[in-house]
């Protein structure tokens, strides 16, 4: 467990915390060889020396800490079953300061970190019980201490995760100058593995920036691909059979990305939908397709800002036009039908026609039979009632 930033405290408060974390075990404590009760601040007030606490029932050492003028300051050691489990140092404010380590029951180091007034600094290392490096994180020497770069390894020593910074920082535990593409020889290639030794992803970096990421299924086929070229980023997703199911393209602008195209594919890889947006993020095309490759619908957008409209055409799976109409786009992309909307038979014969006013209300409806003979011509009134249309 990572030591946390600790608020200023005296020996009494620290003893109370120790008792809580020790499941209320009864402890016998002594300071410089004399029995004290840290829960009672007066027994340690103004005193300096080494406080040692043991489990009353077993006599096992639980904790050692330096006391200066009644305040915990300096080296602290925590024991579990008589063996050193953690050691760190506290400054006058009660914050972690200097080196902090955690140990396995066999005495191997599990974590090694350096603190500056409660903030982690430099390389923080975590290890497997056998001593192999598990993870390393680099924290800058100033600021809030948020991590800048990190690397993780499997128990077999293979890379399992990598995060690059804007400059190499992970040496000597990892050659991130090479891994993160700082050598000037082009994009790097980094393979990441899981605990079983299977390839899970392949990354490429240029000067610390990730420009390509490819993930894999258990069968070795590509699951996803994310690649940046210039100011364009492309994401692709695949089925476990290796068939592309989705592709999204983004335009990269200052601190943001704008989706400009997205395509969806069937289980067999045929295109079923194609959407496009302009650089302002407004839709300009939305086309759907049948599995046989024929168009299902086509939406063509026009205008900009508040004056946008879309012309929608629907098709039969034979490719013959089935319907068409125009819509004005109101707030929240609400579509209001305007003008004349028509529906056709699969032979191309006009079957129905509806007219709409500027508010999207239908004002006239006409229908024809398959031979083209007019069957009905109604004027539609505001209350929904109808009457025969007359000129």
Protein backbone atom coordinates (compact mmCIF):
# COMPACT_ATOMS: atom_id res chain seq x y z
CA UNK A 1 0.00 0.00 0.00
CA UNK A 2 1.35 3.45 -0.90
CA UNK A 3 2.06 5.71 2.10
CA UNK A 4 -0.28 8.70 2.08
CA UNK A 5 0.30 12.36 2.83
CA UNK A 6 -0.14 12.68 6.60
CA UNK A 7 -1.32 15.78 8.45
CA UNK A 8 0.80 17.14 11.34
CA UNK A 9 0.37 15.16 14.50
CA UNK A 10 1.95 14.29 17.81
CA UNK A 11 2.94 10.90 19.19
CA UNK A 12 -0.47 10.45 20.86
CA UNK A 13 -2.39 10.88 17.61
CA UNK A 14 0.03 8.60 15.82
CA UNK A 15 -0.40 5.95 18.48
CA UNK A 16 -4.19 6.12 18.10
CA UNK A 17 -3.80 5.62 14.36
CA UNK A 18 -1.48 2.67 14.98
CA UNK A 19 -3.98 1.04 17.31
CA UNK A 20 -6.78 1.44 14.76
CA UNK A 21 -4.77 -0.13 11.97
CA UNK A 22 -3.64 -2.95 14.24
CA UNK A 23 -7.25 -4.08 14.77
CA UNK A 24 -7.26 -2.63 18.30
CA UNK A 25 -4.44 -4.88 19.44
CA UNK A 26 -3.14 -4.01 22.89
CA UNK A 27 0.38 -2.59 22.64
CA UNK A 28 3.16 -2.13 25.13
CA UNK A 29 5.33 0.88 24.26
CA UNK A 30 8.57 2.25 25.64
CA UNK A 31 10.58 5.37 24.90
CA UNK A 32 14.30 5.13 25.48
CA UNK A 33 13.71 1.94 27.49
CA UNK A 34 10.98 3.45 29.69
CA UNK A 35 7.33 2.45 29.53
CA UNK A 36 5.06 5.12 28.05
CA UNK A 37 1.46 5.38 26.91
CA UNK A 38 1.46 7.39 23.66
CA UNK A 39 -2.36 7.57 23.84
CA UNK A 40 -1.73 9.88 26.78
CA UNK A 41 0.13 12.86 25.35
CA UNK A 42 1.62 13.78 28.70
CA UNK A 43 3.73 10.59 28.79
CA UNK A 44 5.69 11.65 25.68
CA UNK A 45 5.33 15.44 25.83
CA UNK A 46 8.64 17.20 25.29
CA UNK A 47 10.56 13.93 25.07
CA UNK A 48 13.01 12.83 22.39
CA UNK A 49 14.13 9.33 21.50
CA UNK A 50 13.07 6.04 19.93
CA UNK A 51 9.53 4.85 20.56
CA UNK A 52 9.13 1.06 20.31
CA UNK A 53 5.74 -0.72 20.53
CA UNK A 54 5.13 -4.46 20.86
CA UNK A 55 2.03 -6.61 20.80
CA UNK A 56 1.06 -7.25 24.40
CA UNK A 57 -0.04 -10.84 23.73
CA UNK A 58 2.81 -12.05 21.52
CA UNK A 59 5.64 -9.67 22.31
CA UNK A 60 6.18 -9.10 18.59
CA UNK A 61 7.56 -5.74 17.60
CA UNK A 62 4.89 -3.64 15.83
CA UNK A 63 6.45 -0.24 15.31
CA UNK A 64 9.52 1.90 15.85
CA UNK A 65 9.57 5.64 15.38
CA UNK A 66 11.66 8.61 16.29
CA UNK A 67 10.15 11.19 18.65
CA UNK A 68 11.47 14.73 18.85
CA UNK A 69 10.10 17.00 21.54
CA UNK A 70 6.99 14.83 21.77
CA UNK A 71 6.32 14.85 18.02
CA UNK A 72 6.81 11.98 15.58
CA UNK A 73 9.61 13.15 13.30
CA UNK A 74 12.26 11.11 11.57
CA UNK A 75 12.44 7.41 10.78
CA UNK A 76 9.35 5.18 11.18
CA UNK A 77 9.42 1.38 10.89
CA UNK A 78 6.31 -0.82 10.79
CA UNK A 79 6.52 -4.57 11.42
CA UNK A 80 4.21 -7.45 10.60
CA UNK A 81 4.65 -10.72 12.47
CA UNK A 82 7.96 -9.45 13.74
CA UNK A 83 9.35 -8.63 10.26
CA UNK A 84 9.94 -5.20 8.79
CA UNK A 85 7.06 -4.34 6.41
CA UNK A 86 7.46 -0.59 5.85
CA UNK A 87 9.85 2.19 6.65
CA UNK A 88 9.68 5.88 5.90
CA UNK A 89 10.52 9.24 7.45
CA UNK A 90 8.29 12.10 8.57
CA UNK A 91 9.14 15.78 8.63
CA UNK A 92 8.11 18.31 11.27
CA UNK A 93 4.68 18.68 9.62
CA UNK A 94 4.04 14.94 9.78
CA UNK A 95 4.40 14.53 6.01
CA UNK A 96 6.43 11.81 4.30
CA UNK A 97 9.86 13.13 3.47
CA UNK A 98 12.82 11.26 2.04
CA UNK A 99 13.00 7.60 1.18
CA UNK A 100 10.05 5.23 1.80
CA UNK A 101 10.13 1.48 1.27
CA UNK A 102 7.85 -1.53 1.63
CA UNK A 103 9.05 -5.12 2.09
CA UNK A 104 7.79 -8.64 1.49
CA UNK A 105 7.76 -11.22 4.32
CA UNK A 106 11.05 -12.54 2.91
CA UNK A 107 12.67 -9.12 3.20
CA UNK A 108 12.65 -8.18 -0.49
CA UNK A 109 11.80 -4.60 -1.40
CA UNK A 110 8.28 -4.31 -2.88
CA UNK A 111 8.20 -0.52 -3.23
CA UNK A 112 10.90 2.15 -3.21
CA UNK A 113 9.97 5.83 -3.37
CA UNK A 114 11.27 9.27 -2.48
CA UNK A 115 9.06 11.99 -1.00
CA UNK A 116 9.39 15.74 -0.66
CA UNK A 117 7.02 17.07 2.00
CA UNK A 118 4.38 14.46 1.15
CA UNK A 119 4.82 14.55 -2.64
CA UNK A 120 6.38 11.68 -4.59
CA UNK A 121 9.45 12.72 -6.57
CA UNK A 122 11.63 11.08 -9.20
CA UNK A 123 11.38 7.36 -9.96
CA UNK A 124 9.02 5.33 -7.80
CA UNK A 125 9.57 1.58 -8.19
CA UNK A 126 7.33 -1.39 -7.43
CA UNK A 127 8.67 -4.95 -7.44
CA UNK A 128 7.35 -8.50 -7.63
CA UNK A 129 8.00 -10.70 -4.56
CA UNK A 130 10.95 -12.29 -6.39
CA UNK A 131 12.62 -8.89 -6.76
CA UNK A 132 11.87 -8.26 -10.46
CA UNK A 133 10.70 -4.79 -11.40
CA UNK A 134 6.92 -4.57 -11.70
CA UNK A 135 6.30 -0.89 -12.31
CA UNK A 136 8.22 2.38 -12.38
CA UNK A 137 6.65 5.83 -12.34
CA UNK A 138 8.43 9.14 -12.75
CA UNK A 139 7.18 12.17 -10.81
CA UNK A 140 8.58 15.65 -11.56
CA UNK A 141 10.69 17.45 -8.98
CA UNK A 142 8.27 20.36 -8.73
CA UNK A 143 4.54 20.91 -8.85
CA UNK A 144 1.72 18.73 -7.59
CA UNK A 145 3.57 15.50 -8.32
CA UNK A 146 1.29 14.10 -11.00
CA UNK A 147 3.06 11.32 -12.89
CA UNK A 148 4.68 12.10 -16.23
CA UNK A 149 5.87 8.70 -17.43
CA UNK A 150 5.50 5.07 -16.37
CA UNK A 151 6.40 1.56 -17.43
CA UNK A 152 5.12 -1.84 -16.31
CA UNK A 153 6.49 -5.36 -16.72
CA UNK A 154 5.09 -8.86 -16.44
CA UNK A 155 6.62 -11.35 -14.01
CA UNK A 156 8.58 -12.69 -16.98
CA UNK A 157 10.15 -9.29 -17.56
CA UNK A 158 8.12 -8.40 -20.68
CA UNK A 159 6.71 -4.92 -21.17
CA UNK A 160 3.00 -4.73 -20.32
CA UNK A 161 2.34 -0.96 -20.26
CA UNK A 162 4.13 2.24 -21.25
CA UNK A 163 3.34 5.91 -20.82
CA UNK A 164 5.74 8.45 -22.31
CA UNK A 165 6.55 11.99 -21.24
CA UNK A 166 7.83 14.91 -23.32
CA UNK A 167 11.41 13.86 -22.54
CA UNK A 168 13.15 10.61 -21.45
CA UNK A 169 12.76 10.14 -17.68
CA UNK A 170 12.64 6.40 -16.96
CA UNK A 171 16.32 5.49 -17.16
CA UNK A 172 17.89 3.33 -15.87
CA UNK A 173 14.83 1.07 -15.41
CA UNK A 174 13.70 1.51 -19.04
CA UNK A 175 15.24 2.99 -22.16
CA UNK A 176 12.39 5.39 -22.88
CA UNK A 177 14.65 7.45 -25.12
CA UNK A 178 14.34 4.57 -27.59
CA UNK A 179 10.93 3.24 -26.57
CA UNK A 180 9.29 6.66 -26.79
CA UNK A 181 10.89 7.69 -30.07
CA UNK A 182 13.35 10.35 -28.94
CA UNK A 183 16.27 9.01 -30.98
CA UNK A 184 15.33 10.80 -34.20
CA UNK A 185 15.30 7.60 -36.25
CA UNK A 186 11.54 7.60 -36.87
CA UNK A 187 8.61 6.12 -34.96
CA UNK A 188 9.46 3.53 -32.32
CA UNK A 189 7.76 0.16 -32.08
CA UNK A 190 6.86 -1.19 -28.66
CA UNK A 191 5.24 -4.59 -28.08
CA UNK A 192 3.21 -5.06 -24.88
CA UNK A 193 2.40 -8.49 -23.43
CA UNK A 194 0.02 -9.95 -20.87
CA UNK A 195 0.89 -12.24 -17.96
CA UNK A 196 0.66 -15.31 -20.22
CA UNK A 197 3.22 -13.88 -22.62
CA UNK A 198 0.69 -13.16 -25.37
CA UNK A 199 1.06 -10.01 -27.47
CA UNK A 200 -1.72 -7.62 -26.42
CA UNK A 201 -0.79 -4.37 -28.17
CA UNK A 202 1.81 -2.67 -30.34
CA UNK A 203 2.57 1.02 -29.92
CA UNK A 204 4.57 3.59 -31.85
CA UNK A 205 5.86 6.91 -30.48
CA UNK A 206 7.56 9.98 -31.93
CA UNK A 207 9.19 12.34 -29.41
CA UNK A 208 7.00 10.95 -26.64
CA UNK A 209 3.73 11.28 -28.54
CA UNK A 210 1.85 8.11 -29.40
CA UNK A 211 1.18 8.00 -33.13
CA UNK A 212 -0.04 4.44 -33.49
CA UNK A 213 -1.70 1.88 -31.24
CA UNK A 214 -2.76 -1.62 -32.25
CA UNK A 215 -4.45 -4.11 -29.91
CA UNK A 216 -4.92 -7.84 -30.48
CA UNK A 217 -7.40 -10.60 -29.69
CA UNK A 218 -6.27 -13.86 -28.09
CA UNK A 219 -6.08 -15.40 -31.57
CA UNK A 220 -3.55 -12.79 -32.65
CA UNK A 221 -5.90 -10.88 -34.94
CA UNK A 222 -6.18 -7.09 -34.70
CA UNK A 223 -8.91 -5.86 -32.34
CA UNK A 224 -8.39 -2.12 -32.80
CA UNK A 225 -6.05 0.30 -34.56
CA UNK A 226 -5.52 3.96 -33.67
CA UNK A 227 -3.16 5.95 -35.89
CA UNK A 228 -2.28 9.64 -36.23
CA UNK A 229 -0.81 11.08 -39.43
CA UNK A 230 -0.35 14.84 -39.54
CA UNK A 231 -3.53 16.47 -38.25
CA UNK A 232 -5.69 13.41 -38.84
CA UNK A 233 -6.39 10.57 -36.43
CA UNK A 234 -8.06 7.31 -37.52
CA UNK A 235 -9.63 4.71 -35.23
CA UNK A 236 -10.56 1.25 -36.50
CA UNK A 237 -12.31 -1.62 -34.72
CA UNK A 238 -12.29 -5.24 -35.91
CA UNK A 239 -14.15 -8.44 -35.14
CA UNK A 240 -12.25 -11.43 -33.77
CA UNK A 241 -12.33 -12.80 -37.33
CA UNK A 242 -10.26 -9.84 -38.50
CA UNK A 243 -13.10 -7.98 -40.28
CA UNK A 244 -13.25 -4.20 -39.91
CA UNK A 245 -16.52 -3.18 -38.22
CA UNK A 246 -16.03 0.55 -37.65
CA UNK A 247 -13.72 3.34 -38.74
CA UNK A 248 -13.73 6.89 -37.35
CA UNK A 249 -11.61 9.77 -38.61
CA UNK A 250 -10.86 12.88 -36.51
CA UNK A 251 -9.43 16.25 -37.45
CA UNK A 252 -6.93 17.33 -34.78
CA UNK A 253 -7.07 20.98 -33.82
CA UNK A 254 -5.76 22.84 -30.78
CA UNK A 255 -6.35 20.63 -27.72
CA UNK A 256 -9.36 19.00 -29.37
CA UNK A 257 -10.40 16.52 -32.02
CA UNK A 258 -13.35 16.89 -34.38
CA UNK A 259 -15.03 13.82 -35.82
CA UNK A 260 -15.21 14.23 -39.60
CA UNK A 261 -16.11 10.73 -40.81
CA UNK A 262 -17.45 7.48 -39.39
CA UNK A 263 -18.16 4.25 -41.25
CA UNK A 264 -19.87 1.10 -39.96
CA UNK A 265 -19.48 -2.32 -41.56
CA UNK A 266 -21.43 -5.57 -41.40
CA UNK A 267 -20.12 -8.87 -40.02
CA UNK A 268 -18.96 -9.69 -43.55
CA UNK A 269 -17.20 -6.35 -43.98
CA UNK A 270 -19.65 -4.58 -46.30
CA UNK A 271 -20.31 -0.88 -45.71
CA UNK A 272 -23.67 -0.29 -43.98
CA UNK A 273 -23.37 3.37 -42.95
CA UNK A 274 -21.19 6.33 -43.95
CA UNK A 275 -21.38 9.62 -42.02
CA UNK A 276 -19.39 12.80 -42.59
CA UNK A 277 -19.09 16.12 -40.75
CA UNK A 278 -17.46 19.45 -41.61
CA UNK A 279 -14.70 21.07 -39.58
CA UNK A 280 -17.31 22.76 -37.39
CA UNK A 281 -18.70 19.37 -36.41
CA UNK A 282 -21.89 19.78 -38.46
CA UNK A 283 -23.14 16.73 -40.42
CA UNK A 284 -22.88 16.93 -44.20
CA UNK A 285 -23.54 13.32 -45.30
CA UNK A 286 -25.29 10.32 -43.71
CA UNK A 287 -25.68 7.36 -46.08
CA UNK A 288 -26.95 3.87 -45.26
CA UNK A 289 -26.53 0.70 -47.33
CA UNK A 290 -28.16 -2.72 -47.63
CA UNK A 291 -25.99 -5.81 -47.22
CA UNK A 292 -26.17 -6.32 -50.98
CA UNK A 293 -24.34 -3.03 -51.46
CA UNK A 294 -27.33 -1.02 -52.68
CA UNK A 295 -28.07 2.31 -50.97
CA UNK A 296 -30.71 2.24 -48.21
CA UNK A 297 -30.86 5.98 -47.60
CA UNK A 298 -28.91 9.13 -48.43
CA UNK A 299 -28.94 12.32 -46.39
CA UNK A 300 -27.32 15.41 -47.91
CA UNK A 301 -26.97 18.41 -45.57
CA UNK A 302 -26.68 22.04 -46.66
CA UNK A 303 -26.38 25.47 -45.08
CA UNK A 304 -24.63 26.38 -41.84
CA UNK A 305 -25.36 27.57 -38.34
CA UNK A 306 -29.09 28.05 -37.74
CA UNK A 307 -29.93 27.82 -41.46
CA UNK A 308 -29.34 24.15 -42.07
CA UNK A 309 -31.41 21.66 -44.01
CA UNK A 310 -31.18 18.04 -45.11
CA UNK A 311 -32.48 16.27 -48.20
CA UNK A 312 -33.26 12.62 -47.42
CA UNK A 313 -33.74 9.98 -50.10
CA UNK A 314 -34.72 6.38 -49.31
CA UNK A 315 -34.24 3.39 -51.61
CA UNK A 316 -35.49 -0.15 -52.18
CA UNK A 317 -32.85 -2.88 -52.01
CA UNK A 318 -33.00 -2.96 -55.82
CA UNK A 319 -31.52 0.54 -55.92
CA UNK A 320 -34.81 2.15 -57.02
CA UNK A 321 -35.77 5.36 -55.22
CA UNK A 322 -38.51 4.77 -52.61
CA UNK A 323 -39.04 8.21 -51.04
CA UNK A 324 -37.56 11.69 -50.80
CA UNK A 325 -38.13 14.85 -48.82
CA UNK A 326 -36.52 17.94 -47.39
CA UNK A 327 -36.23 18.90 -43.72
CA UNK A 328 -35.12 22.04 -41.94
CA UNK A 329 -32.95 21.44 -38.89
CA UNK A 330 -34.07 23.17 -35.72
CA UNK A 331 -32.50 23.16 -32.27
CA UNK A 332 -31.02 19.87 -31.00
CA UNK A 333 -31.02 18.55 -34.59
CA UNK A 334 -34.83 18.34 -34.69
CA UNK A 335 -35.95 17.81 -38.30
CA UNK A 336 -38.97 19.75 -39.57
CA UNK A 337 -40.46 18.54 -42.87
CA UNK A 338 -40.87 21.32 -45.46
CA UNK A 339 -41.90 21.46 -49.12
CA UNK A 340 -43.06 18.41 -51.05
CA UNK A 341 -42.32 14.85 -49.88
CA UNK A 342 -42.87 11.95 -52.28
CA UNK A 343 -43.05 8.15 -52.14
CA UNK A 344 -42.58 5.83 -55.12
CA UNK A 345 -43.25 2.22 -56.08
CA UNK A 346 -40.36 -0.11 -56.81
CA UNK A 347 -41.07 0.48 -60.49
CA UNK A 348 -40.57 4.22 -60.05
CA UNK A 349 -44.25 5.19 -60.12
CA UNK A 350 -45.25 8.10 -57.87
CA UNK A 351 -47.59 6.71 -55.17
CA UNK A 352 -47.97 9.50 -52.61
CA UNK A 353 -47.13 13.14 -52.16
CA UNK A 354 -47.39 15.33 -49.07
CA UNK A 355 -46.94 19.10 -48.91
CA UNK A 356 -45.75 20.85 -45.74
CA UNK A 357 -45.75 24.49 -44.72
CA UNK A 358 -42.84 26.37 -43.12
CA UNK A 359 -43.88 25.12 -39.65
CA UNK A 360 -43.77 21.46 -40.70
CA UNK A 361 -47.56 21.03 -40.87
CA UNK A 362 -48.96 18.92 -43.68
CA UNK A 363 -51.29 20.97 -45.89
CA UNK A 364 -52.06 18.65 -48.81
CA UNK A 365 -51.89 14.90 -49.48
CA UNK A 366 -52.28 13.06 -52.77
CA UNK A 367 -52.12 9.34 -53.60
CA UNK A 368 -51.97 7.37 -56.85
CA UNK A 369 -52.34 3.72 -57.75
CA UNK A 370 -49.69 1.60 -59.46
CA UNK A 371 -50.98 2.67 -62.88
CA UNK A 372 -50.53 6.33 -62.03
CA UNK A 373 -54.23 7.19 -61.63
CA UNK A 374 -54.97 9.76 -58.92
CA UNK A 375 -56.85 8.16 -56.01
CA UNK A 376 -57.09 11.01 -53.54
CA UNK A 377 -56.30 14.71 -53.34
CA UNK A 378 -57.01 16.19 -49.90
CA UNK A 379 -56.43 19.52 -48.29
CA UNK A 380 -55.36 18.95 -44.68
CA UNK A 381 -56.63 21.61 -42.29
CA UNK A 382 -54.95 22.80 -39.10
CA UNK A 383 -57.15 20.58 -36.88
CA UNK A 384 -56.28 17.47 -38.94
CA UNK A 385 -59.56 17.31 -40.79
CA UNK A 386 -59.62 16.91 -44.55
CA UNK A 387 -61.55 18.09 -47.55
CA UNK A 388 -61.17 17.64 -51.28
CA UNK A 389 -58.52 19.97 -52.61
CA UNK A 390 -59.87 22.65 -54.92
CA UNK A 391 -57.85 25.22 -56.84
